[in-house]
């Protein structure tokens, strides 16, 4: 039930992306960037300084900087450490107790850590909308687009993008700013999102409408 040790694999490039079913484009006045679960606990499963985690962090660093410059709110999800079985719920059955109550493991990686003005949400389930006020925050700001980056692509990243769609929020999944257990899982998430709930794009295209 623990996280797997993730072997290095190549990060998808623009040439690897599935065809999108819709042609939405990001509007900085409508968008929010969700940095999903980039805590050290989850990143420790990857081989340090190897693909895909090197490209993941570079892509997220680039997008957080660009979003702040463009006035796009940056929201982080972070799971709490030391959850009780009641707090874990069915996640306990699939993944065990989750993060220990350890400050380093709970923290978002330094390179992409929240800055003044960013929002950090305590996250409990796969989707960043469940038991948080993410939807209410977005509605209050008149924003109906969500750019999703982080880990893991086929679990919380994909579920958050799909949950956005179910709330009539346009989702954008950044293929080279997410990572997963394997290349197969990563590509599955991209294919499913492009066909069912989101625009799949890359970090250098997110504000270019391609």
Protein backbone atom coordinates (compact mmCIF):
# COMPACT_ATOMS: atom_id res chain seq x y z
CA UNK A 1 0.00 0.00 0.00
CA UNK A 2 3.01 2.33 0.18
CA UNK A 3 4.05 4.47 -2.74
CA UNK A 4 6.09 2.63 -5.36
CA UNK A 5 9.69 3.46 -6.13
CA UNK A 6 9.33 5.20 -9.49
CA UNK A 7 11.87 4.30 -12.16
CA UNK A 8 13.02 7.11 -14.46
CA UNK A 9 11.07 7.53 -17.69
CA UNK A 10 11.05 10.15 -20.47
CA UNK A 11 8.79 13.14 -19.95
CA UNK A 12 6.25 13.45 -22.79
CA UNK A 13 6.97 16.14 -25.35
CA UNK A 14 4.60 18.13 -27.52
CA UNK A 15 4.95 15.48 -30.23
CA UNK A 16 3.63 12.83 -27.83
CA UNK A 17 0.41 14.60 -26.88
CA UNK A 18 -3.01 13.14 -27.70
CA UNK A 19 -5.45 15.08 -29.83
CA UNK A 20 -7.68 17.37 -27.78
CA UNK A 21 -11.42 17.07 -28.21
CA UNK A 22 -11.96 20.75 -27.41
CA UNK A 23 -9.98 23.86 -28.27
CA UNK A 24 -10.24 25.97 -25.14
CA UNK A 25 -7.57 28.61 -24.57
CA UNK A 26 -6.30 30.00 -21.28
CA UNK A 27 -7.36 33.53 -20.35
CA UNK A 28 -5.23 34.92 -17.49
CA UNK A 29 -8.26 36.84 -16.24
CA UNK A 30 -10.24 33.60 -15.88
CA UNK A 31 -7.59 31.08 -14.82
CA UNK A 32 -6.21 29.64 -11.58
CA UNK A 33 -3.07 27.50 -11.39
CA UNK A 34 -3.36 24.41 -9.17
CA UNK A 35 -0.02 23.00 -7.99
CA UNK A 36 -1.13 19.55 -6.96
CA UNK A 37 0.56 17.71 -4.04
CA UNK A 38 4.19 18.60 -4.81
CA UNK A 39 5.23 17.64 -1.30
CA UNK A 40 8.56 16.01 -0.60
CA UNK A 41 6.81 12.82 0.50
CA UNK A 42 5.45 12.27 -3.01
CA UNK A 43 8.54 13.53 -4.84
CA UNK A 44 10.80 11.21 -2.83
CA UNK A 45 9.30 8.29 -4.76
CA UNK A 46 11.13 9.48 -7.89
CA UNK A 47 14.83 9.09 -8.67
CA UNK A 48 16.32 12.48 -7.86
CA UNK A 49 17.86 14.45 -10.75
CA UNK A 50 16.38 12.08 -13.33
CA UNK A 51 13.51 12.39 -15.79
CA UNK A 52 10.61 12.95 -15.27
CA UNK A 53 11.08 14.78 -11.96
CA UNK A 54 13.68 17.18 -13.36
CA UNK A 55 11.33 18.37 -16.11
CA UNK A 56 8.36 18.32 -13.71
CA UNK A 57 10.00 20.78 -11.32
CA UNK A 58 11.34 22.95 -14.13
CA UNK A 59 7.89 23.16 -15.72
CA UNK A 60 6.12 23.96 -12.46
CA UNK A 61 8.75 26.56 -11.54
CA UNK A 62 8.27 28.23 -14.92
CA UNK A 63 4.49 28.23 -14.71
CA UNK A 64 4.24 29.49 -11.14
CA UNK A 65 6.52 32.40 -12.06
CA UNK A 66 4.61 33.19 -15.24
CA UNK A 67 1.23 32.94 -13.54
CA UNK A 68 2.27 35.30 -10.76
CA UNK A 69 3.53 37.78 -13.36
CA UNK A 70 0.24 37.56 -15.29
CA UNK A 71 -1.95 37.92 -12.20
CA UNK A 72 -3.15 34.31 -12.28
CA UNK A 73 -3.78 33.08 -8.71
CA UNK A 74 -1.53 30.20 -7.66
CA UNK A 75 -3.16 27.60 -5.41
CA UNK A 76 -1.33 24.67 -3.83
CA UNK A 77 -2.87 21.48 -2.52
CA UNK A 78 -1.05 19.75 0.32
CA UNK A 79 -2.09 16.66 2.22
CA UNK A 80 -1.77 16.79 6.03
CA UNK A 81 0.57 14.48 7.85
CA UNK A 82 -0.36 12.09 10.61
CA UNK A 83 -3.98 11.61 9.54
CA UNK A 84 -6.21 9.43 11.67
CA UNK A 85 -7.94 6.41 10.09
CA UNK A 86 -11.20 8.38 10.19
CA UNK A 87 -9.60 11.25 8.30
CA UNK A 88 -8.06 8.89 5.76
CA UNK A 89 -11.29 7.04 5.10
CA UNK A 90 -11.06 4.66 2.14
CA UNK A 91 -7.65 6.02 1.20
CA UNK A 92 -6.39 3.97 4.15
CA UNK A 93 -7.46 0.78 2.36
CA UNK A 94 -5.69 1.71 -0.88
CA UNK A 95 -2.64 3.64 0.31
CA UNK A 96 -2.19 3.03 4.01
CA UNK A 97 -1.74 5.81 6.58
CA UNK A 98 -0.31 8.40 4.17
CA UNK A 99 2.15 11.12 5.07
CA UNK A 100 3.81 10.89 8.46
CA UNK A 101 3.74 13.96 10.66
CA UNK A 102 7.18 15.04 9.46
CA UNK A 103 7.87 18.67 8.54
CA UNK A 104 10.23 17.94 5.63
CA UNK A 105 7.96 15.33 4.08
CA UNK A 106 4.87 17.53 4.43
CA UNK A 107 6.56 20.57 2.89
CA UNK A 108 6.26 21.50 -0.78
CA UNK A 109 9.62 21.15 -2.53
CA UNK A 110 11.73 24.28 -2.02
CA UNK A 111 12.15 24.96 -5.73
CA UNK A 112 8.41 25.33 -6.26
CA UNK A 113 7.31 26.35 -2.76
CA UNK A 114 4.42 28.76 -2.17
CA UNK A 115 5.21 32.46 -2.05
CA UNK A 116 3.47 35.41 -0.46
CA UNK A 117 0.08 35.84 -2.05
CA UNK A 118 -0.34 32.17 -2.96
CA UNK A 119 -2.99 29.96 -1.37
CA UNK A 120 -2.36 26.57 0.26
CA UNK A 121 -5.34 24.22 0.61
CA UNK A 122 -5.41 21.24 2.93
CA UNK A 123 -6.32 18.33 0.67
CA UNK A 124 -8.04 15.12 1.81
CA UNK A 125 -9.07 13.12 -1.27
CA UNK A 126 -7.95 12.60 -4.86
CA UNK A 127 -9.72 15.72 -6.11
CA UNK A 128 -8.52 19.08 -4.82
CA UNK A 129 -12.16 20.21 -4.73
CA UNK A 130 -13.31 17.67 -2.13
CA UNK A 131 -13.58 19.08 1.41
CA UNK A 132 -11.84 22.31 0.35
CA UNK A 133 -13.12 25.74 -0.68
CA UNK A 134 -11.36 25.74 -4.05
CA UNK A 135 -14.60 26.02 -6.04
CA UNK A 136 -15.90 28.80 -3.79
CA UNK A 137 -12.62 30.73 -4.06
CA UNK A 138 -12.71 30.50 -7.83
CA UNK A 139 -16.33 31.58 -8.04
CA UNK A 140 -15.71 34.54 -5.74
CA UNK A 141 -12.93 35.70 -8.08
CA UNK A 142 -14.99 35.12 -11.22
CA UNK A 143 -12.57 32.45 -12.47
CA UNK A 144 -13.68 29.38 -14.39
CA UNK A 145 -10.46 27.88 -15.76
CA UNK A 146 -8.05 25.61 -13.88
CA UNK A 147 -4.49 24.83 -14.98
CA UNK A 148 -3.33 21.64 -13.26
CA UNK A 149 0.29 20.63 -12.60
CA UNK A 150 1.91 18.27 -10.09
CA UNK A 151 1.63 14.60 -9.10
CA UNK A 152 0.38 12.01 -9.68
CA UNK A 153 -1.01 12.42 -13.18
CA UNK A 154 -3.40 9.44 -13.26
CA UNK A 155 -4.67 9.93 -9.71
CA UNK A 156 -5.20 13.33 -8.09
CA UNK A 157 -4.19 15.42 -11.10
CA UNK A 158 -6.67 13.65 -13.36
CA UNK A 159 -9.42 13.55 -10.72
CA UNK A 160 -9.04 17.28 -10.04
CA UNK A 161 -9.24 18.05 -13.76
CA UNK A 162 -12.33 15.86 -14.12
CA UNK A 163 -13.94 17.38 -11.03
CA UNK A 164 -13.33 20.84 -12.52
CA UNK A 165 -15.16 19.74 -15.68
CA UNK A 166 -18.09 18.48 -13.61
CA UNK A 167 -18.32 21.96 -12.10
CA UNK A 168 -18.23 23.67 -15.54
CA UNK A 169 -14.68 24.84 -14.96
CA UNK A 170 -12.45 24.47 -18.02
CA UNK A 171 -9.43 22.33 -17.12
CA UNK A 172 -5.96 22.43 -18.68
CA UNK A 173 -3.56 19.59 -17.90
CA UNK A 174 0.10 20.46 -18.51
CA UNK A 175 1.68 17.26 -19.82
CA UNK A 176 5.30 18.17 -19.05
CA UNK A 177 4.54 19.68 -15.65
CA UNK A 178 2.96 16.53 -14.21
CA UNK A 179 4.54 13.16 -13.42
CA UNK A 180 3.36 9.69 -12.52
CA UNK A 181 4.21 6.17 -11.40
CA UNK A 182 5.25 5.20 -14.93
CA UNK A 183 5.24 6.38 -18.53
CA UNK A 184 2.19 4.17 -19.15
CA UNK A 185 0.22 5.78 -16.32
CA UNK A 186 1.32 9.25 -17.42
CA UNK A 187 0.21 8.75 -21.02
CA UNK A 188 -3.06 7.14 -19.95
CA UNK A 189 -3.89 10.23 -17.91
CA UNK A 190 -3.14 12.50 -20.87
CA UNK A 191 -5.26 10.45 -23.26
CA UNK A 192 -8.22 10.25 -20.88
CA UNK A 193 -8.12 13.95 -20.05
CA UNK A 194 -7.86 15.04 -23.69
CA UNK A 195 -10.82 12.86 -24.65
CA UNK A 196 -13.06 13.42 -21.63
CA UNK A 197 -12.49 16.57 -19.57
CA UNK A 198 -9.56 18.87 -20.38
CA UNK A 199 -7.17 20.44 -22.84
CA UNK A 200 -3.77 18.74 -22.67
CA UNK A 201 -0.88 21.01 -23.50
CA UNK A 202 2.71 21.85 -22.53
CA UNK A 203 4.25 24.49 -20.30
CA UNK A 204 5.54 26.56 -23.20
CA UNK A 205 2.14 26.53 -24.94
CA UNK A 206 -0.23 27.08 -22.04
CA UNK A 207 -0.65 30.80 -22.71
CA UNK A 208 -0.28 30.53 -26.47
CA UNK A 209 -3.56 28.79 -27.25
CA UNK A 210 -1.93 25.77 -28.89
